[in-house]
PDB file of N, CA and C in Angstrom:
ATOM      1  N   UNK A   1       2.097  14.100   4.695  1.00  0.00           N
ATOM      2  CA  UNK A   1       1.213  15.559   5.166  1.00  0.00           C
ATOM      3  C   UNK A   1      -0.022  15.535   5.388  1.00  0.00           C
ATOM      4  N   UNK A   2      -0.940  15.486   6.428  1.00  0.00           N
ATOM      5  CA  UNK A   2      -2.330  15.611   6.704  1.00  0.00           C
ATOM      6  C   UNK A   2      -2.621  17.071   7.028  1.00  0.00           C
ATOM      7  N   UNK A   3      -3.887  17.444   6.343  1.00  0.00           N
ATOM      8  CA  UNK A   3      -4.311  18.735   6.481  1.00  0.00           C
ATOM      9  C   UNK A   3      -5.555  18.962   7.196  1.00  0.00           C
ATOM     10  N   UNK A   4      -5.467  19.487   8.346  1.00  0.00           N
ATOM     11  CA  UNK A   4      -6.636  19.307   9.464  1.00  0.00           C
ATOM     12  C   UNK A   4      -6.802  20.389  10.301  1.00  0.00           C
ATOM     13  N   UNK A   5      -8.139  20.806  10.628  1.00  0.00           N
ATOM     14  CA  UNK A   5      -8.407  21.922  11.460  1.00  0.00           C
ATOM     15  C   UNK A   5      -9.386  21.649  12.408  1.00  0.00           C
ATOM     16  N   UNK A   6      -9.482  22.480  13.472  1.00  0.00           N
ATOM     17  CA  UNK A   6     -10.286  22.352  14.313  1.00  0.00           C
ATOM     18  C   UNK A   6     -10.796  23.645  15.050  1.00  0.00           C
ATOM     19  N   UNK A   7     -12.070  24.297  15.447  1.00  0.00           N
ATOM     20  CA  UNK A   7     -12.327  25.256  16.432  1.00  0.00           C
ATOM     21  C   UNK A   7     -13.654  25.287  16.734  1.00  0.00           C
ATOM     22  N   UNK A   8     -13.551  26.209  17.886  1.00  0.00           N
ATOM     23  CA  UNK A   8     -14.916  26.402  18.423  1.00  0.00           C
ATOM     24  C   UNK A   8     -15.987  26.908  17.544  1.00  0.00           C
ATOM     25  N   UNK A   9     -17.341  26.598  17.748  1.00  0.00           N
ATOM     26  CA  UNK A   9     -18.308  26.847  16.446  1.00  0.00           C
ATOM     27  C   UNK A   9     -19.732  26.732  17.509  1.00  0.00           C
ATOM     28  N   UNK A  10     -20.636  27.118  16.521  1.00  0.00           N
ATOM     29  CA  UNK A  10     -21.791  26.874  16.983  1.00  0.00           C
ATOM     30  C   UNK A  10     -22.296  25.180  17.023  1.00  0.00           C
ATOM     31  N   UNK A  11     -23.588  25.248  17.576  1.00  0.00           N
ATOM     32  CA  UNK A  11     -24.134  23.817  17.697  1.00  0.00           C
ATOM     33  C   UNK A  11     -24.192  23.095  16.361  1.00  0.00           C
ATOM     34  N   UNK A  12     -24.519  23.872  15.242  1.00  0.00           N
ATOM     35  CA  UNK A  12     -24.757  23.454  14.000  1.00  0.00           C
ATOM     36  C   UNK A  12     -23.463  23.051  13.233  1.00  0.00           C
ATOM     37  N   UNK A  13     -22.021  23.937  14.063  1.00  0.00           N
ATOM     38  CA  UNK A  13     -20.761  23.926  13.057  1.00  0.00           C
ATOM     39  C   UNK A  13     -20.510  24.665  12.137  1.00  0.00           C
ATOM     40  N   UNK A  14     -21.699  25.733  11.688  1.00  0.00           N
ATOM     41  CA  UNK A  14     -21.141  26.654  10.543  1.00  0.00           C
ATOM     42  C   UNK A  14     -20.733  28.299  11.330  1.00  0.00           C
ATOM     43  N   UNK A  15     -21.308  28.366  12.454  1.00  0.00           N
ATOM     44  CA  UNK A  15     -21.279  29.865  13.047  1.00  0.00           C
ATOM     45  C   UNK A  15     -19.862  29.627  13.962  1.00  0.00           C
ATOM     46  N   UNK A  16     -19.849  30.605  14.947  1.00  0.00           N
ATOM     47  CA  UNK A  16     -18.652  30.654  15.764  1.00  0.00           C
ATOM     48  C   UNK A  16     -19.333  30.754  16.913  1.00  0.00           C
ATOM     49  N   UNK A  17     -18.586  30.201  18.000  1.00  0.00           N
ATOM     50  CA  UNK A  17     -19.128  29.917  19.189  1.00  0.00           C
ATOM     51  C   UNK A  17     -19.404  31.059  19.975  1.00  0.00           C
ATOM     52  N   UNK A  18     -20.462  30.949  21.061  1.00  0.00           N
ATOM     53  CA  UNK A  18     -21.205  32.218  21.466  1.00  0.00           C
ATOM     54  C   UNK A  18     -20.171  33.236  22.416  1.00  0.00           C
ATOM     55  N   UNK A  19     -20.253  34.211  22.802  1.00  0.00           N
ATOM     56  CA  UNK A  19     -19.211  35.475  23.076  1.00  0.00           C
ATOM     57  C   UNK A  19     -19.007  34.984  24.495  1.00  0.00           C
ATOM     58  N   UNK A  20     -20.146  34.106  25.169  1.00  0.00           N
ATOM     59  CA  UNK A  20     -20.050  33.571  26.569  1.00  0.00           C
ATOM     60  C   UNK A  20     -18.704  32.602  26.915  1.00  0.00           C
ATOM     61  N   UNK A  21     -18.331  32.074  25.806  1.00  0.00           N
ATOM     62  CA  UNK A  21     -16.962  31.546  25.958  1.00  0.00           C
ATOM     63  C   UNK A  21     -15.829  31.967  25.420  1.00  0.00           C
ATOM     64  N   UNK A  22     -15.822  33.223  25.283  1.00  0.00           N
ATOM     65  CA  UNK A  22     -14.378  33.944  25.670  1.00  0.00           C
ATOM     66  C   UNK A  22     -14.208  34.232  26.835  1.00  0.00           C
ATOM     67  N   UNK A  23     -13.492  33.437  27.549  1.00  0.00           N
ATOM     68  CA  UNK A  23     -13.342  33.954  29.061  1.00  0.00           C
ATOM     69  C   UNK A  23     -11.708  34.252  29.150  1.00  0.00           C
ATOM     70  N   UNK A  24     -11.217  34.490  30.170  1.00  0.00           N
ATOM     71  CA  UNK A  24      -9.998  34.821  30.659  1.00  0.00           C
ATOM     72  C   UNK A  24      -9.304  34.023  31.212  1.00  0.00           C
ATOM     73  N   UNK A  25     -10.247  33.054  31.943  1.00  0.00           N
ATOM     74  CA  UNK A  25      -9.824  31.597  32.831  1.00  0.00           C
ATOM     75  C   UNK A  25     -10.377  30.518  32.077  1.00  0.00           C
ATOM     76  N   UNK A  26      -9.966  29.844  31.904  1.00  0.00           N
ATOM     77  CA  UNK A  26     -10.278  28.138  31.614  1.00  0.00           C
ATOM     78  C   UNK A  26     -11.242  27.627  32.869  1.00  0.00           C
ATOM     79  N   UNK A  27     -11.173  28.103  33.702  1.00  0.00           N
ATOM     80  CA  UNK A  27     -12.293  27.473  35.151  1.00  0.00           C
ATOM     81  C   UNK A  27     -13.658  28.203  34.669  1.00  0.00           C
ATOM     82  N   UNK A  28     -13.541  29.449  33.765  1.00  0.00           N
ATOM     83  CA  UNK A  28     -14.717  29.889  33.671  1.00  0.00           C
ATOM     84  C   UNK A  28     -15.921  29.094  32.378  1.00  0.00           C
ATOM     85  N   UNK A  29     -15.225  28.042  31.812  1.00  0.00           N
ATOM     86  CA  UNK A  29     -15.656  27.256  31.179  1.00  0.00           C
ATOM     87  C   UNK A  29     -16.521  26.126  31.634  1.00  0.00           C
ATOM     88  N   UNK A  30     -16.340  25.954  32.966  1.00  0.00           N
ATOM     89  CA  UNK A  30     -17.015  24.286  33.769  1.00  0.00           C
ATOM     90  C   UNK A  30     -18.360  24.969  33.763  1.00  0.00           C
ATOM     91  N   UNK A  31     -18.910  23.815  33.630  1.00  0.00           N
ATOM     92  CA  UNK A  31     -20.537  23.825  33.082  1.00  0.00           C
ATOM     93  C   UNK A  31     -20.965  24.441  32.011  1.00  0.00           C
ATOM     94  N   UNK A  32     -20.451  24.906  30.998  1.00  0.00           N
ATOM     95  CA  UNK A  32     -20.960  25.203  29.779  1.00  0.00           C
ATOM     96  C   UNK A  32     -20.897  24.049  28.754  1.00  0.00           C
ATOM     97  N   UNK A  33     -21.543  24.449  27.883  1.00  0.00           N
ATOM     98  CA  UNK A  33     -21.519  23.384  26.679  1.00  0.00           C
ATOM     99  C   UNK A  33     -20.787  24.151  25.850  1.00  0.00           C
ATOM    100  N   UNK A  34     -19.796  23.293  24.985  1.00  0.00           N
ATOM    101  CA  UNK A  34     -19.009  23.827  24.073  1.00  0.00           C
ATOM    102  C   UNK A  34     -19.036  23.123  22.941  1.00  0.00           C
ATOM    103  N   UNK A  35     -19.087  23.495  21.739  1.00  0.00           N
ATOM    104  CA  UNK A  35     -19.237  22.988  20.510  1.00  0.00           C
ATOM    105  C   UNK A  35     -18.016  23.232  19.558  1.00  0.00           C
ATOM    106  N   UNK A  36     -17.419  22.298  18.913  1.00  0.00           N
ATOM    107  CA  UNK A  36     -15.945  22.786  18.009  1.00  0.00           C
ATOM    108  C   UNK A  36     -15.994  21.559  16.871  1.00  0.00           C
ATOM    109  N   UNK A  37     -15.654  22.060  15.924  1.00  0.00           N
ATOM    110  CA  UNK A  37     -15.885  21.186  14.420  1.00  0.00           C
ATOM    111  C   UNK A  37     -14.321  21.105  14.284  1.00  0.00           C
ATOM    112  N   UNK A  38     -14.429  19.579  13.702  1.00  0.00           N
ATOM    113  CA  UNK A  38     -13.206  18.992  13.291  1.00  0.00           C
ATOM    114  C   UNK A  38     -13.004  18.507  11.584  1.00  0.00           C
ATOM    115  N   UNK A  39     -12.014  19.335  11.483  1.00  0.00           N
ATOM    116  CA  UNK A  39     -12.056  18.959   9.413  1.00  0.00           C
ATOM    117  C   UNK A  39     -10.667  18.195   9.210  1.00  0.00           C
ATOM    118  N   UNK A  40     -10.939  17.176   8.690  1.00  0.00           N
ATOM    119  CA  UNK A  40      -9.439  16.473   7.834  1.00  0.00           C
ATOM    120  C   UNK A  40     -10.111  16.457   6.706  1.00  0.00           C
ATOM    121  N   UNK A  41      -9.379  17.439   5.715  1.00  0.00           N
ATOM    122  CA  UNK A  41      -9.213  17.382   4.125  1.00  0.00           C
ATOM    123  C   UNK A  41      -8.669  16.095   3.426  1.00  0.00           C
ATOM    124  N   UNK A  42      -7.157  16.358   3.658  1.00  0.00           N
ATOM    125  CA  UNK A  42      -6.462  15.076   2.822  1.00  0.00           C
ATOM    126  C   UNK A  42      -5.561  15.274   3.467  1.00  0.00           C
ATOM    127  N   UNK A  43      -4.629  14.160   2.608  1.00  0.00           N
ATOM    128  CA  UNK A  43      -3.277  13.862   3.229  1.00  0.00           C
ATOM    129  C   UNK A  43      -2.606  13.923   1.797  1.00  0.00           C
ATOM    130  N   UNK A  44      -1.322  13.495   2.106  1.00  0.00           N
ATOM    131  CA  UNK A  44      -0.425  14.300   0.637  1.00  0.00           C
ATOM    132  C   UNK A  44       1.092  13.479   0.606  1.00  0.00           C
ATOM    133  N   UNK A  45       1.553  12.722  -0.260  1.00  0.00           N
ATOM    134  CA  UNK A  45       2.482  12.140  -0.087  1.00  0.00           C
ATOM    135  C   UNK A  45       2.937  10.907   0.703  1.00  0.00           C
ATOM    136  N   UNK A  46       1.823  10.189   0.932  1.00  0.00           N
ATOM    137  CA  UNK A  46       2.041   8.860   1.438  1.00  0.00           C
ATOM    138  C   UNK A  46       3.093   7.818   0.767  1.00  0.00           C
ATOM    139  N   UNK A  47       3.653   7.099   1.939  1.00  0.00           N
ATOM    140  CA  UNK A  47       4.375   5.826   1.086  1.00  0.00           C
ATOM    141  C   UNK A  47       3.808   4.982   0.047  1.00  0.00           C
ATOM    142  N   UNK A  48       4.271   4.413  -0.741  1.00  0.00           N
ATOM    143  CA  UNK A  48       3.447   3.934  -1.896  1.00  0.00           C
ATOM    144  C   UNK A  48       3.235   2.389  -1.430  1.00  0.00           C
ATOM    145  N   UNK A  49       3.894   1.779  -0.342  1.00  0.00           N
ATOM    146  CA  UNK A  49       3.516   0.753   0.286  1.00  0.00           C
ATOM    147  C   UNK A  49       2.507   0.824   0.998  1.00  0.00           C
ATOM    148  N   UNK A  50       2.241   1.802   1.800  1.00  0.00           N
ATOM    149  CA  UNK A  50       1.361   2.146   3.012  1.00  0.00           C
ATOM    150  C   UNK A  50      -0.009   3.059   2.420  1.00  0.00           C
ATOM    151  N   UNK A  51      -0.308   2.887   1.391  1.00  0.00           N
ATOM    152  CA  UNK A  51      -1.442   4.101   0.746  1.00  0.00           C
ATOM    153  C   UNK A  51      -2.189   3.214   0.540  1.00  0.00           C
ATOM    154  N   UNK A  52      -2.946   2.388   0.988  1.00  0.00           N
ATOM    155  CA  UNK A  52      -4.111   1.590   0.207  1.00  0.00           C
ATOM    156  C   UNK A  52      -5.356   1.368   1.568  1.00  0.00           C
ATOM    157  N   UNK A  53      -6.774   2.067   1.298  1.00  0.00           N
ATOM    158  CA  UNK A  53      -7.437   1.799   2.177  1.00  0.00           C
ATOM    159  C   UNK A  53      -7.462   2.745   3.140  1.00  0.00           C
ATOM    160  N   UNK A  54      -6.783   4.233   3.039  1.00  0.00           N
ATOM    161  CA  UNK A  54      -6.187   5.070   4.001  1.00  0.00           C
ATOM    162  C   UNK A  54      -7.517   5.432   5.351  1.00  0.00           C
ATOM    163  N   UNK A  55      -7.304   5.642   6.297  1.00  0.00           N
ATOM    164  CA  UNK A  55      -7.948   6.302   7.012  1.00  0.00           C
ATOM    165  C   UNK A  55      -7.347   7.020   8.122  1.00  0.00           C
ATOM    166  N   UNK A  56      -8.053   7.845   9.116  1.00  0.00           N
ATOM    167  CA  UNK A  56      -7.091   8.782  10.099  1.00  0.00           C
ATOM    168  C   UNK A  56      -8.185   8.421  11.382  1.00  0.00           C
ATOM    169  N   UNK A  57      -7.565   8.104  12.447  1.00  0.00           N
ATOM    170  CA  UNK A  57      -8.202   8.089  13.925  1.00  0.00           C
ATOM    171  C   UNK A  57      -7.487   9.373  14.338  1.00  0.00           C
ATOM    172  N   UNK A  58      -8.460   9.825  15.615  1.00  0.00           N
ATOM    173  CA  UNK A  58      -7.918  10.849  16.616  1.00  0.00           C
ATOM    174  C   UNK A  58      -8.917  10.823  17.874  1.00  0.00           C
ATOM    175  N   UNK A  59      -7.913  11.044  18.830  1.00  0.00           N
ATOM    176  CA  UNK A  59      -9.025  11.117  19.966  1.00  0.00           C
ATOM    177  C   UNK A  59      -8.644  12.664  20.881  1.00  0.00           C
ATOM    178  N   UNK A  60      -9.577  12.740  21.763  1.00  0.00           N
ATOM    179  CA  UNK A  60      -9.346  14.089  22.731  1.00  0.00           C
ATOM    180  C   UNK A  60      -8.867  13.542  24.183  1.00  0.00           C
ATOM    181  N   UNK A  61      -8.031  14.422  24.152  1.00  0.00           N
ATOM    182  CA  UNK A  61      -7.733  14.452  26.023  1.00  0.00           C
ATOM    183  C   UNK A  61      -8.504  14.221  26.825  1.00  0.00           C
ATOM    184  N   UNK A  62      -9.764  14.892  26.826  1.00  0.00           N
ATOM    185  CA  UNK A  62     -11.120  14.993  27.798  1.00  0.00           C
ATOM    186  C   UNK A  62     -11.796  13.568  27.575  1.00  0.00           C
ATOM    187  N   UNK A  63     -11.352  12.884  26.239  1.00  0.00           N
ATOM    188  CA  UNK A  63     -12.599  11.684  25.974  1.00  0.00           C
ATOM    189  C   UNK A  63     -11.311  10.454  25.399  1.00  0.00           C
ATOM    190  N   UNK A  64     -10.136  10.207  26.353  1.00  0.00           N
ATOM    191  CA  UNK A  64      -9.026   9.317  25.819  1.00  0.00           C
ATOM    192  C   UNK A  64      -9.770   7.783  25.555  1.00  0.00           C
ATOM    193  N   UNK A  65     -10.945   7.318  25.812  1.00  0.00           N
ATOM    194  CA  UNK A  65     -11.189   6.032  25.729  1.00  0.00           C
ATOM    195  C   UNK A  65     -12.128   6.255  24.350  1.00  0.00           C
ATOM    196  N   UNK A  66     -12.374   7.230  23.678  1.00  0.00           N
ATOM    197  CA  UNK A  66     -13.262   7.232  22.441  1.00  0.00           C
ATOM    198  C   UNK A  66     -12.328   7.278  21.447  1.00  0.00           C
ATOM    199  N   UNK A  67     -12.264   6.173  20.363  1.00  0.00           N
ATOM    200  CA  UNK A  67     -11.387   6.713  19.192  1.00  0.00           C
ATOM    201  C   UNK A  67     -12.230   7.130  18.048  1.00  0.00           C
ATOM    202  N   UNK A  68     -12.025   8.370  17.580  1.00  0.00           N
ATOM    203  CA  UNK A  68     -12.833   8.556  16.351  1.00  0.00           C
ATOM    204  C   UNK A  68     -12.225   8.191  15.036  1.00  0.00           C
ATOM    205  N   UNK A  69     -13.443   7.615  13.836  1.00  0.00           N
ATOM    206  CA  UNK A  69     -12.577   6.982  13.127  1.00  0.00           C
ATOM    207  C   UNK A  69     -13.265   7.806  11.439  1.00  0.00           C
ATOM    208  N   UNK A  70     -12.256   8.219  11.118  1.00  0.00           N
ATOM    209  CA  UNK A  70     -12.774   8.814   9.601  1.00  0.00           C
ATOM    210  C   UNK A  70     -12.736   7.791   8.876  1.00  0.00           C
ATOM    211  N   UNK A  71     -14.258   7.516   7.776  1.00  0.00           N
ATOM    212  CA  UNK A  71     -14.329   6.903   6.890  1.00  0.00           C
ATOM    213  C   UNK A  71     -13.187   6.573   5.506  1.00  0.00           C
ATOM    214  N   UNK A  72     -12.844   5.334   5.461  1.00  0.00           N
ATOM    215  CA  UNK A  72     -11.496   5.056   4.721  1.00  0.00           C
ATOM    216  C   UNK A  72     -11.629   5.563   3.222  1.00  0.00           C
ATOM    217  N   UNK A  73     -10.736   6.146   2.815  1.00  0.00           N
ATOM    218  CA  UNK A  73     -10.757   6.696   1.186  1.00  0.00           C
ATOM    219  C   UNK A  73     -10.040   5.141   0.593  1.00  0.00           C
ATOM    220  N   UNK A  74     -11.182   4.380  -0.179  1.00  0.00           N
ATOM    221  CA  UNK A  74     -10.628   2.928  -0.801  1.00  0.00           C
ATOM    222  C   UNK A  74      -9.995   3.352  -1.550  1.00  0.00           C
ATOM    223  N   UNK A  75      -9.306   2.187  -1.739  1.00  0.00           N
ATOM    224  CA  UNK A  75      -8.067   2.088  -3.071  1.00  0.00           C
ATOM    225  C   UNK A  75      -6.700   2.354  -2.584  1.00  0.00           C
ATOM    226  N   UNK A  76      -6.277   2.786  -3.541  1.00  0.00           N
ATOM    227  CA  UNK A  76      -4.734   2.758  -3.233  1.00  0.00           C
ATOM    228  C   UNK A  76      -4.398   4.294  -3.755  1.00  0.00           C
ATOM    229  N   UNK A  77      -3.910   5.153  -3.200  1.00  0.00           N
ATOM    230  CA  UNK A  77      -3.953   6.264  -3.719  1.00  0.00           C
ATOM    231  C   UNK A  77      -2.686   7.022  -2.554  1.00  0.00           C
ATOM    232  N   UNK A  78      -1.594   7.876  -2.863  1.00  0.00           N
ATOM    233  CA  UNK A  78      -0.691   8.185  -2.259  1.00  0.00           C
ATOM    234  C   UNK A  78      -0.994   9.940  -1.350  1.00  0.00           C
ATOM    235  N   UNK A  79      -2.200  10.222  -2.353  1.00  0.00           N
ATOM    236  CA  UNK A  79      -2.781  11.751  -1.736  1.00  0.00           C
ATOM    237  C   UNK A  79      -4.142  11.756  -1.653  1.00  0.00           C
ATOM    238  N   UNK A  80      -4.799  10.789  -0.586  1.00  0.00           N
ATOM    239  CA  UNK A  80      -6.219  10.427  -0.246  1.00  0.00           C
ATOM    240  C   UNK A  80      -6.694  11.810   0.167  1.00  0.00           C
ATOM    241  N   UNK A  81      -8.468  11.784  -0.424  1.00  0.00           N
ATOM    242  CA  UNK A  81      -9.077  13.132   0.004  1.00  0.00           C
ATOM    243  C   UNK A  81     -10.051  12.653   0.830  1.00  0.00           C
ATOM    244  N   UNK A  82     -10.178  13.534   1.864  1.00  0.00           N
ATOM    245  CA  UNK A  82     -11.574  12.963   2.925  1.00  0.00           C
ATOM    246  C   UNK A  82     -12.604  13.792   2.954  1.00  0.00           C
ATOM    247  N   UNK A  83     -12.382  14.885   2.959  1.00  0.00           N
ATOM    248  CA  UNK A  83     -13.330  16.156   2.822  1.00  0.00           C
ATOM    249  C   UNK A  83     -14.507  15.880   4.368  1.00  0.00           C
ATOM    250  N   UNK A  84     -13.534  15.314   5.496  1.00  0.00           N
ATOM    251  CA  UNK A  84     -14.386  14.981   6.552  1.00  0.00           C
ATOM    252  C   UNK A  84     -14.886  16.462   7.364  1.00  0.00           C
ATOM    253  N   UNK A  85     -15.909  15.993   8.245  1.00  0.00           N
ATOM    254  CA  UNK A  85     -16.045  17.326   9.207  1.00  0.00           C
ATOM    255  C   UNK A  85     -17.107  16.838   9.818  1.00  0.00           C
ATOM    256  N   UNK A  86     -16.633  17.353  11.060  1.00  0.00           N
ATOM    257  CA  UNK A  86     -17.757  16.800  12.217  1.00  0.00           C
ATOM    258  C   UNK A  86     -17.936  17.573  13.600  1.00  0.00           C
ATOM    259  N   UNK A  87     -18.912  17.873  14.061  1.00  0.00           N
ATOM    260  CA  UNK A  87     -18.989  18.898  15.199  1.00  0.00           C
ATOM    261  C   UNK A  87     -19.021  17.973  16.229  1.00  0.00           C
ATOM    262  N   UNK A  88     -18.170  18.443  17.530  1.00  0.00           N
ATOM    263  CA  UNK A  88     -18.564  17.719  18.817  1.00  0.00           C
ATOM    264  C   UNK A  88     -18.702  18.456  19.912  1.00  0.00           C
ATOM    265  N   UNK A  89     -19.330  17.788  20.593  1.00  0.00           N
ATOM    266  CA  UNK A  89     -19.707  18.572  22.200  1.00  0.00           C
ATOM    267  C   UNK A  89     -18.800  18.131  23.464  1.00  0.00           C
ATOM    268  N   UNK A  90     -18.623  18.826  23.803  1.00  0.00           N
ATOM    269  CA  UNK A  90     -17.932  18.864  25.268  1.00  0.00           C
ATOM    270  C   UNK A  90     -18.818  19.407  26.431  1.00  0.00           C
ATOM    271  N   UNK A  91     -19.520  18.510  27.314  1.00  0.00           N
ATOM    272  CA  UNK A  91     -20.197  18.980  28.364  1.00  0.00           C
ATOM    273  C   UNK A  91     -19.696  20.089  29.479  1.00  0.00           C
TER     274      UNK A  91
END
């Protein structure tokens, strides 16, 4: 199991997104800068034979050519902890 989350935020990643981004129709978001925060906390219950130097990758639908890779959790553990946080921007 992997524990992760993402949500809209401000440019620093700590506050909430601007009220102007709360829209009724997605088309209203065109030409607006959007920030969101991705967090990957941990994994648990990994198979013993696949739990050395574990890392996570993820992609976004709007940027399929970019593969985001979380720094690996060195060593062998079935329950790696990442505590990864990153703010992404969509133009």
